[in-house]
Amino acid sequence: MTVPVASVHFALLGLSAMAFDSCDSAADCPAAGAAVNRAALVAVVAVPVALTSWLWPDTRTYNRHRWAHLGAYVALAGTSAGLFLTVPVGR
């Protein structure tokens, strides 16, 4: 599950460069840059959460923890994708 979501985030990171198309070399676009940085940070945080969800022992007592981590991963991945899709354009 981590690999497909990471590949989607990688593609969105590549496509988010279009938010900077309207910026010329003299202008800086702080809002678009900050939005891309936030989305990338959330995506990076989501990967360890997914990996730790499977580090819990596979016993009945830890199933609640595993599902909680998996739910947090889905929430973080969705938030990151939403942040990538709402990057403000430059000027």
PDB file of N, CA and C in Angstrom:
ATOM      1  N   MET A   1       0.818  -1.193   0.000  1.00  0.00           N
ATOM      2  CA  MET A   1       0.000   0.000   0.000  1.00  0.00           C
ATOM      3  C   MET A   1       0.861   1.255   0.000  1.00  0.00           C
ATOM      4  N   THR A   2       2.033   1.180   0.574  1.00  0.00           N
ATOM      5  CA  THR A   2       2.890   2.351   0.643  1.00  0.00           C
ATOM      6  C   THR A   2       3.457   2.708  -0.729  1.00  0.00           C
ATOM      7  N   VAL A   3       3.832   1.720  -1.514  1.00  0.00           N
ATOM      8  CA  VAL A   3       4.457   1.991  -2.810  1.00  0.00           C
ATOM      9  C   VAL A   3       3.497   2.674  -3.781  1.00  0.00           C
ATOM     10  N   PRO A   4       2.261   2.215  -3.944  1.00  0.00           N
ATOM     11  CA  PRO A   4       1.369   2.937  -4.864  1.00  0.00           C
ATOM     12  C   PRO A   4       1.077   4.368  -4.407  1.00  0.00           C
ATOM     13  N   VAL A   5       0.877   4.556  -3.124  1.00  0.00           N
ATOM     14  CA  VAL A   5       0.596   5.909  -2.630  1.00  0.00           C
ATOM     15  C   VAL A   5       1.824   6.801  -2.786  1.00  0.00           C
ATOM     16  N   ALA A   6       3.011   6.254  -2.527  1.00  0.00           N
ATOM     17  CA  ALA A   6       4.234   7.038  -2.700  1.00  0.00           C
ATOM     18  C   ALA A   6       4.438   7.407  -4.169  1.00  0.00           C
ATOM     19  N   SER A   7       4.100   6.515  -5.078  1.00  0.00           N
ATOM     20  CA  SER A   7       4.253   6.846  -6.494  1.00  0.00           C
ATOM     21  C   SER A   7       3.257   7.928  -6.920  1.00  0.00           C
ATOM     22  N   VAL A   8       2.058   7.900  -6.371  1.00  0.00           N
ATOM     23  CA  VAL A   8       1.092   8.965  -6.671  1.00  0.00           C
ATOM     24  C   VAL A   8       1.592  10.297  -6.123  1.00  0.00           C
ATOM     25  N   HIS A   9       2.134  10.287  -4.910  1.00  0.00           N
ATOM     26  CA  HIS A   9       2.665  11.531  -4.345  1.00  0.00           C
ATOM     27  C   HIS A   9       3.868  12.036  -5.136  1.00  0.00           C
ATOM     28  N   PHE A  10       4.694  11.124  -5.622  1.00  0.00           N
ATOM     29  CA  PHE A  10       5.836  11.526  -6.441  1.00  0.00           C
ATOM     30  C   PHE A  10       5.359  12.187  -7.730  1.00  0.00           C
ATOM     31  N   ALA A  11       4.332  11.622  -8.350  1.00  0.00           N
ATOM     32  CA  ALA A  11       3.773  12.222  -9.563  1.00  0.00           C
ATOM     33  C   ALA A  11       3.155  13.587  -9.269  1.00  0.00           C
ATOM     34  N   LEU A  12       2.446  13.695  -8.151  1.00  0.00           N
ATOM     35  CA  LEU A  12       1.862  14.994  -7.792  1.00  0.00           C
ATOM     36  C   LEU A  12       2.938  16.028  -7.494  1.00  0.00           C
ATOM     37  N   LEU A  13       4.037  15.597  -6.897  1.00  0.00           N
ATOM     38  CA  LEU A  13       5.141  16.524  -6.643  1.00  0.00           C
ATOM     39  C   LEU A  13       5.724  17.022  -7.957  1.00  0.00           C
ATOM     40  N   GLY A  14       5.837  16.134  -8.931  1.00  0.00           N
ATOM     41  CA  GLY A  14       6.324  16.554 -10.243  1.00  0.00           C
ATOM     42  C   GLY A  14       5.356  17.493 -10.942  1.00  0.00           C
ATOM     43  N   LEU A  15       4.059  17.222 -10.826  1.00  0.00           N
ATOM     44  CA  LEU A  15       3.066  18.077 -11.460  1.00  0.00           C
ATOM     45  C   LEU A  15       2.903  19.411 -10.745  1.00  0.00           C
ATOM     46  N   SER A  16       3.261  19.463  -9.465  1.00  0.00           N
ATOM     47  CA  SER A  16       3.084  20.712  -8.732  1.00  0.00           C
ATOM     48  C   SER A  16       4.044  21.793  -9.207  1.00  0.00           C
ATOM     49  N   ALA A  17       5.035  21.429 -10.000  1.00  0.00           N
ATOM     50  CA  ALA A  17       5.928  22.441 -10.561  1.00  0.00           C
ATOM     51  C   ALA A  17       5.180  23.385 -11.494  1.00  0.00           C
ATOM     52  N   MET A  18       4.039  22.961 -12.003  1.00  0.00           N
ATOM     53  CA  MET A  18       3.256  23.841 -12.869  1.00  0.00           C
ATOM     54  C   MET A  18       2.708  25.039 -12.101  1.00  0.00           C
ATOM     55  N   ALA A  19       2.653  24.948 -10.784  1.00  0.00           N
ATOM     56  CA  ALA A  19       2.200  26.100 -10.000  1.00  0.00           C
ATOM     57  C   ALA A  19       3.187  27.247 -10.097  1.00  0.00           C
ATOM     58  N   PHE A  20       4.416  26.940 -10.471  1.00  0.00           N
ATOM     59  CA  PHE A  20       5.450  27.972 -10.566  1.00  0.00           C
ATOM     60  C   PHE A  20       5.647  28.474 -11.988  1.00  0.00           C
ATOM     61  N   ASP A  21       4.851  28.015 -12.938  1.00  0.00           N
ATOM     62  CA  ASP A  21       5.015  28.437 -14.327  1.00  0.00           C
ATOM     63  C   ASP A  21       4.796  29.925 -14.513  1.00  0.00           C
ATOM     64  N   SER A  22       3.901  30.497 -13.773  1.00  0.00           N
ATOM     65  CA  SER A  22       3.604  31.915 -13.972  1.00  0.00           C
ATOM     66  C   SER A  22       4.614  32.821 -13.298  1.00  0.00           C
ATOM     67  N   CYS A  23       5.548  32.265 -12.547  1.00  0.00           N
ATOM     68  CA  CYS A  23       6.581  33.068 -11.904  1.00  0.00           C
ATOM     69  C   CYS A  23       7.740  33.258 -12.874  1.00  0.00           C
ATOM     70  N   ASP A  24       8.195  34.488 -13.020  1.00  0.00           N
ATOM     71  CA  ASP A  24       9.385  34.694 -13.825  1.00  0.00           C
ATOM     72  C   ASP A  24      10.609  34.603 -12.929  1.00  0.00           C
ATOM     73  N   SER A  25      11.776  34.812 -13.487  1.00  0.00           N
ATOM     74  CA  SER A  25      12.997  34.612 -12.708  1.00  0.00           C
ATOM     75  C   SER A  25      13.174  35.666 -11.620  1.00  0.00           C
ATOM     76  N   ALA A  26      12.559  36.823 -11.772  1.00  0.00           N
ATOM     77  CA  ALA A  26      12.715  37.882 -10.776  1.00  0.00           C
ATOM     78  C   ALA A  26      11.715  37.746  -9.640  1.00  0.00           C
ATOM     79  N   ALA A  27      10.617  37.067  -9.863  1.00  0.00           N
ATOM     80  CA  ALA A  27       9.577  36.962  -8.834  1.00  0.00           C
ATOM     81  C   ALA A  27       9.755  35.686  -8.038  1.00  0.00           C
ATOM     82  N   ASP A  28       9.415  35.760  -6.786  1.00  0.00           N
ATOM     83  CA  ASP A  28       9.366  34.535  -6.005  1.00  0.00           C
ATOM     84  C   ASP A  28       7.913  34.276  -5.654  1.00  0.00           C
ATOM     85  N   CYS A  29       7.583  33.033  -5.533  1.00  0.00           N
ATOM     86  CA  CYS A  29       6.204  32.652  -5.240  1.00  0.00           C
ATOM     87  C   CYS A  29       6.180  31.958  -3.882  1.00  0.00           C
ATOM     88  N   PRO A  30       6.159  32.711  -2.805  1.00  0.00           N
ATOM     89  CA  PRO A  30       6.251  32.079  -1.487  1.00  0.00           C
ATOM     90  C   PRO A  30       5.043  31.227  -1.123  1.00  0.00           C
ATOM     91  N   ALA A  31       3.871  31.606  -1.560  1.00  0.00           N
ATOM     92  CA  ALA A  31       2.684  30.833  -1.190  1.00  0.00           C
ATOM     93  C   ALA A  31       2.705  29.455  -1.853  1.00  0.00           C
ATOM     94  N   ALA A  32       3.045  29.404  -3.123  1.00  0.00           N
ATOM     95  CA  ALA A  32       3.098  28.119  -3.817  1.00  0.00           C
ATOM     96  C   ALA A  32       4.236  27.263  -3.284  1.00  0.00           C
ATOM     97  N   GLY A  33       5.374  27.862  -3.025  1.00  0.00           N
ATOM     98  CA  GLY A  33       6.509  27.110  -2.480  1.00  0.00           C
ATOM     99  C   GLY A  33       6.216  26.539  -1.105  1.00  0.00           C
ATOM    100  N   ALA A  34       5.571  27.324  -0.274  1.00  0.00           N
ATOM    101  CA  ALA A  34       5.227  26.849   1.070  1.00  0.00           C
ATOM    102  C   ALA A  34       4.201  25.729   1.004  1.00  0.00           C
ATOM    103  N   ALA A  35       3.252  25.824   0.094  1.00  0.00           N
ATOM    104  CA  ALA A  35       2.233  24.778  -0.035  1.00  0.00           C
ATOM    105  C   ALA A  35       2.846  23.465  -0.512  1.00  0.00           C
ATOM    106  N   VAL A  36       3.767  23.529  -1.447  1.00  0.00           N
ATOM    107  CA  VAL A  36       4.433  22.312  -1.925  1.00  0.00           C
ATOM    108  C   VAL A  36       5.276  21.707  -0.813  1.00  0.00           C
ATOM    109  N   ASN A  37       5.964  22.555  -0.050  1.00  0.00           N
ATOM    110  CA  ASN A  37       6.774  22.052   1.062  1.00  0.00           C
ATOM    111  C   ASN A  37       5.913  21.376   2.132  1.00  0.00           C
ATOM    112  N   ARG A  38       4.760  21.958   2.456  1.00  0.00           N
ATOM    113  CA  ARG A  38       3.861  21.343   3.434  1.00  0.00           C
ATOM    114  C   ARG A  38       3.344  19.998   2.950  1.00  0.00           C
ATOM    115  N   ALA A  39       2.950  19.942   1.692  1.00  0.00           N
ATOM    116  CA  ALA A  39       2.424  18.689   1.146  1.00  0.00           C
ATOM    117  C   ALA A  39       3.498  17.609   1.123  1.00  0.00           C
ATOM    118  N   ALA A  40       4.726  17.977   0.753  1.00  0.00           N
ATOM    119  CA  ALA A  40       5.812  16.998   0.733  1.00  0.00           C
ATOM    120  C   ALA A  40       6.145  16.528   2.145  1.00  0.00           C
ATOM    121  N   LEU A  41       6.104  17.423   3.113  1.00  0.00           N
ATOM    122  CA  LEU A  41       6.387  17.047   4.500  1.00  0.00           C
ATOM    123  C   LEU A  41       5.343  16.068   5.021  1.00  0.00           C
ATOM    124  N   VAL A  42       4.083  16.321   4.736  1.00  0.00           N
ATOM    125  CA  VAL A  42       3.030  15.407   5.181  1.00  0.00           C
ATOM    126  C   VAL A  42       3.191  14.045   4.510  1.00  0.00           C
ATOM    127  N   ALA A  43       3.577  14.032   3.232  1.00  0.00           N
ATOM    128  CA  ALA A  43       3.792  12.768   2.533  1.00  0.00           C
ATOM    129  C   ALA A  43       4.956  11.998   3.126  1.00  0.00           C
ATOM    130  N   VAL A  44       6.011  12.698   3.515  1.00  0.00           N
ATOM    131  CA  VAL A  44       7.178  12.035   4.112  1.00  0.00           C
ATOM    132  C   VAL A  44       6.821  11.479   5.489  1.00  0.00           C
ATOM    133  N   VAL A  45       6.005  12.175   6.239  1.00  0.00           N
ATOM    134  CA  VAL A  45       5.597  11.706   7.565  1.00  0.00           C
ATOM    135  C   VAL A  45       4.677  10.489   7.450  1.00  0.00           C
ATOM    136  N   ALA A  46       3.928  10.389   6.365  1.00  0.00           N
ATOM    137  CA  ALA A  46       2.986   9.288   6.202  1.00  0.00           C
ATOM    138  C   ALA A  46       3.681   7.944   6.025  1.00  0.00           C
ATOM    139  N   VAL A  47       4.855   7.927   5.434  1.00  0.00           N
ATOM    140  CA  VAL A  47       5.531   6.655   5.161  1.00  0.00           C
ATOM    141  C   VAL A  47       5.949   5.933   6.448  1.00  0.00           C
ATOM    142  N   PRO A  48       6.619   6.588   7.408  1.00  0.00           N
ATOM    143  CA  PRO A  48       6.936   5.862   8.639  1.00  0.00           C
ATOM    144  C   PRO A  48       5.707   5.407   9.422  1.00  0.00           C
ATOM    145  N   VAL A  49       4.631   6.162   9.334  1.00  0.00           N
ATOM    146  CA  VAL A  49       3.399   5.745  10.016  1.00  0.00           C
ATOM    147  C   VAL A  49       2.893   4.443   9.409  1.00  0.00           C
ATOM    148  N   ALA A  50       2.955   4.319   8.082  1.00  0.00           N
ATOM    149  CA  ALA A  50       2.524   3.081   7.436  1.00  0.00           C
ATOM    150  C   ALA A  50       3.441   1.929   7.803  1.00  0.00           C
ATOM    151  N   LEU A  51       4.728   2.183   7.855  1.00  0.00           N
ATOM    152  CA  LEU A  51       5.662   1.109   8.169  1.00  0.00           C
ATOM    153  C   LEU A  51       5.533   0.653   9.622  1.00  0.00           C
ATOM    154  N   THR A  52       5.304   1.582  10.525  1.00  0.00           N
ATOM    155  CA  THR A  52       5.168   1.183  11.928  1.00  0.00           C
ATOM    156  C   THR A  52       3.853   0.453  12.191  1.00  0.00           C
ATOM    157  N   SER A  53       2.889   0.630  11.309  1.00  0.00           N
ATOM    158  CA  SER A  53       1.637  -0.108  11.517  1.00  0.00           C
ATOM    159  C   SER A  53       1.864  -1.600  11.378  1.00  0.00           C
ATOM    160  N   TRP A  54       2.876  -2.003  10.642  1.00  0.00           N
ATOM    161  CA  TRP A  54       3.153  -3.427  10.480  1.00  0.00           C
ATOM    162  C   TRP A  54       4.256  -3.911  11.399  1.00  0.00           C
ATOM    163  N   LEU A  55       4.814  -3.029  12.219  1.00  0.00           N
ATOM    164  CA  LEU A  55       5.809  -3.459  13.197  1.00  0.00           C
ATOM    165  C   LEU A  55       5.172  -4.012  14.467  1.00  0.00           C
ATOM    166  N   TRP A  56       3.896  -3.687  14.682  1.00  0.00           N
ATOM    167  CA  TRP A  56       3.206  -4.253  15.831  1.00  0.00           C
ATOM    168  C   TRP A  56       3.098  -5.764  15.645  1.00  0.00           C
ATOM    169  N   PRO A  57       3.238  -6.534  16.692  1.00  0.00           N
ATOM    170  CA  PRO A  57       3.112  -7.995  16.556  1.00  0.00           C
ATOM    171  C   PRO A  57       1.724  -8.376  16.037  1.00  0.00           C
ATOM    172  N   ASP A  58       1.700  -9.450  15.286  1.00  0.00           N
ATOM    173  CA  ASP A  58       0.446  -9.887  14.675  1.00  0.00           C
ATOM    174  C   ASP A  58      -0.340 -10.764  15.656  1.00  0.00           C
ATOM    175  N   THR A  59      -0.752 -10.143  16.733  1.00  0.00           N
ATOM    176  CA  THR A  59      -1.568 -10.836  17.725  1.00  0.00           C
ATOM    177  C   THR A  59      -2.866 -10.057  17.908  1.00  0.00           C
ATOM    178  N   ARG A  60      -3.794 -10.693  18.525  1.00  0.00           N
ATOM    179  CA  ARG A  60      -5.105 -10.074  18.690  1.00  0.00           C
ATOM    180  C   ARG A  60      -5.048  -8.816  19.554  1.00  0.00           C
ATOM    181  N   THR A  61      -4.134  -8.764  20.516  1.00  0.00           N
ATOM    182  CA  THR A  61      -4.075  -7.605  21.412  1.00  0.00           C
ATOM    183  C   THR A  61      -3.546  -6.355  20.709  1.00  0.00           C
ATOM    184  N   TYR A  62      -2.787  -6.514  19.627  1.00  0.00           N
ATOM    185  CA  TYR A  62      -2.213  -5.356  18.947  1.00  0.00           C
ATOM    186  C   TYR A  62      -2.948  -4.976  17.666  1.00  0.00           C
ATOM    187  N   ASN A  63      -4.008  -5.678  17.343  1.00  0.00           N
ATOM    188  CA  ASN A  63      -4.754  -5.336  16.126  1.00  0.00           C
ATOM    189  C   ASN A  63      -5.319  -3.926  16.175  1.00  0.00           C
ATOM    190  N   ARG A  64      -5.747  -3.491  17.336  1.00  0.00           N
ATOM    191  CA  ARG A  64      -6.286  -2.128  17.482  1.00  0.00           C
ATOM    192  C   ARG A  64      -5.221  -1.089  17.150  1.00  0.00           C
ATOM    193  N   HIS A  65      -3.984  -1.318  17.592  1.00  0.00           N
ATOM    194  CA  HIS A  65      -2.892  -0.381  17.306  1.00  0.00           C
ATOM    195  C   HIS A  65      -2.548  -0.384  15.819  1.00  0.00           C
ATOM    196  N   ARG A  66      -2.539  -1.555  15.224  1.00  0.00           N
ATOM    197  CA  ARG A  66      -2.227  -1.653  13.803  1.00  0.00           C
ATOM    198  C   ARG A  66      -3.263  -0.917  12.967  1.00  0.00           C
ATOM    199  N   TRP A  67      -4.539  -1.098  13.290  1.00  0.00           N
ATOM    200  CA  TRP A  67      -5.588  -0.420  12.533  1.00  0.00           C
ATOM    201  C   TRP A  67      -5.567   1.086  12.773  1.00  0.00           C
ATOM    202  N   ALA A  68      -5.197   1.499  13.975  1.00  0.00           N
ATOM    203  CA  ALA A  68      -5.097   2.939  14.250  1.00  0.00           C
ATOM    204  C   ALA A  68      -3.973   3.571  13.418  1.00  0.00           C
ATOM    205  N   HIS A  69      -2.849   2.882  13.318  1.00  0.00           N
ATOM    206  CA  HIS A  69      -1.744   3.399  12.500  1.00  0.00           C
ATOM    207  C   HIS A  69      -2.122   3.411  11.024  1.00  0.00           C
ATOM    208  N   LEU A  70      -2.812   2.387  10.581  1.00  0.00           N
ATOM    209  CA  LEU A  70      -3.239   2.351   9.192  1.00  0.00           C
ATOM    210  C   LEU A  70      -4.238   3.469   8.898  1.00  0.00           C
ATOM    211  N   GLY A  71      -5.138   3.741   9.828  1.00  0.00           N
ATOM    212  CA  GLY A  71      -6.066   4.857   9.657  1.00  0.00           C
ATOM    213  C   GLY A  71      -5.354   6.200   9.620  1.00  0.00           C
ATOM    214  N   ALA A  72      -4.334   6.349  10.476  1.00  0.00           N
ATOM    215  CA  ALA A  72      -3.549   7.585  10.458  1.00  0.00           C
ATOM    216  C   ALA A  72      -2.812   7.731   9.133  1.00  0.00           C
ATOM    217  N   TYR A  73      -2.319   6.618   8.593  1.00  0.00           N
ATOM    218  CA  TYR A  73      -1.626   6.669   7.302  1.00  0.00           C
ATOM    219  C   TYR A  73      -2.578   7.100   6.187  1.00  0.00           C
ATOM    220  N   VAL A  74      -3.760   6.546   6.179  1.00  0.00           N
ATOM    221  CA  VAL A  74      -4.727   6.912   5.138  1.00  0.00           C
ATOM    222  C   VAL A  74      -5.098   8.390   5.266  1.00  0.00           C
ATOM    223  N   ALA A  75      -5.260   8.862   6.492  1.00  0.00           N
ATOM    224  CA  ALA A  75      -5.583  10.278   6.702  1.00  0.00           C
ATOM    225  C   ALA A  75      -4.440  11.179   6.249  1.00  0.00           C
ATOM    226  N   LEU A  76      -3.207  10.813   6.582  1.00  0.00           N
ATOM    227  CA  LEU A  76      -2.058  11.618   6.163  1.00  0.00           C
ATOM    228  C   LEU A  76      -1.874  11.594   4.649  1.00  0.00           C
ATOM    229  N   ALA A  77      -2.043  10.426   4.043  1.00  0.00           N
ATOM    230  CA  ALA A  77      -1.889  10.336   2.592  1.00  0.00           C
ATOM    231  C   ALA A  77      -2.964  11.147   1.879  1.00  0.00           C
ATOM    232  N   GLY A  78      -4.180  11.095   2.363  1.00  0.00           N
ATOM    233  CA  GLY A  78      -5.250  11.888   1.768  1.00  0.00           C
ATOM    234  C   GLY A  78      -5.039  13.377   1.953  1.00  0.00           C
ATOM    235  N   THR A  79      -4.563  13.755   3.120  1.00  0.00           N
ATOM    236  CA  THR A  79      -4.274  15.167   3.381  1.00  0.00           C
ATOM    237  C   THR A  79      -3.171  15.667   2.466  1.00  0.00           C
ATOM    238  N   SER A  80      -2.132  14.867   2.312  1.00  0.00           N
ATOM    239  CA  SER A  80      -1.027  15.262   1.447  1.00  0.00           C
ATOM    240  C   SER A  80      -1.477  15.401  -0.001  1.00  0.00           C
ATOM    241  N   ALA A  81      -2.267  14.454  -0.485  1.00  0.00           N
ATOM    242  CA  ALA A  81      -2.769  14.556  -1.859  1.00  0.00           C
ATOM    243  C   ALA A  81      -3.656  15.790  -2.018  1.00  0.00           C
ATOM    244  N   GLY A  82      -4.470  16.073  -1.021  1.00  0.00           N
ATOM    245  CA  GLY A  82      -5.300  17.270  -1.074  1.00  0.00           C
ATOM    246  C   GLY A  82      -4.482  18.540  -1.075  1.00  0.00           C
ATOM    247  N   LEU A  83      -3.401  18.559  -0.306  1.00  0.00           N
ATOM    248  CA  LEU A  83      -2.531  19.730  -0.296  1.00  0.00           C
ATOM    249  C   LEU A  83      -1.826  19.912  -1.637  1.00  0.00           C
ATOM    250  N   PHE A  84      -1.416  18.814  -2.258  1.00  0.00           N
ATOM    251  CA  PHE A  84      -0.795  18.926  -3.575  1.00  0.00           C
ATOM    252  C   PHE A  84      -1.778  19.451  -4.607  1.00  0.00           C
ATOM    253  N   LEU A  85      -3.021  19.020  -4.518  1.00  0.00           N
ATOM    254  CA  LEU A  85      -4.010  19.406  -5.521  1.00  0.00           C
ATOM    255  C   LEU A  85      -4.518  20.820  -5.339  1.00  0.00           C
ATOM    256  N   THR A  86      -4.265  21.422  -4.189  1.00  0.00           N
ATOM    257  CA  THR A  86      -4.738  22.796  -3.955  1.00  0.00           C
ATOM    258  C   THR A  86      -3.594  23.780  -3.841  1.00  0.00           C
ATOM    259  N   VAL A  87      -2.474  23.481  -4.473  1.00  0.00           N
ATOM    260  CA  VAL A  87      -1.341  24.421  -4.470  1.00  0.00           C
ATOM    261  C   VAL A  87      -1.775  25.679  -5.214  1.00  0.00           C
ATOM    262  N   PRO A  88      -1.598  26.855  -4.587  1.00  0.00           N
ATOM    263  CA  PRO A  88      -1.989  28.073  -5.287  1.00  0.00           C
ATOM    264  C   PRO A  88      -1.025  28.362  -6.437  1.00  0.00           C
ATOM    265  N   VAL A  89      -1.550  28.907  -7.496  1.00  0.00           N
ATOM    266  CA  VAL A  89      -0.697  29.249  -8.628  1.00  0.00           C
ATOM    267  C   VAL A  89       0.090  30.500  -8.279  1.00  0.00           C
ATOM    268  N   GLY A  90       1.154  30.706  -8.988  1.00  0.00           N
ATOM    269  CA  GLY A  90       1.940  31.939  -8.789  1.00  0.00           C
ATOM    270  C   GLY A  90       1.111  33.140  -9.181  1.00  0.00           C
ATOM    271  N   ARG A  91       1.502  34.255  -9.162  1.00  0.00           N
ATOM    272  CA  ARG A  91       0.779  35.485  -9.412  1.00  0.00           C
ATOM    273  C   ARG A  91      -0.461  35.326 -10.191  1.00  0.00           C
TER     274      ARG A  91
END
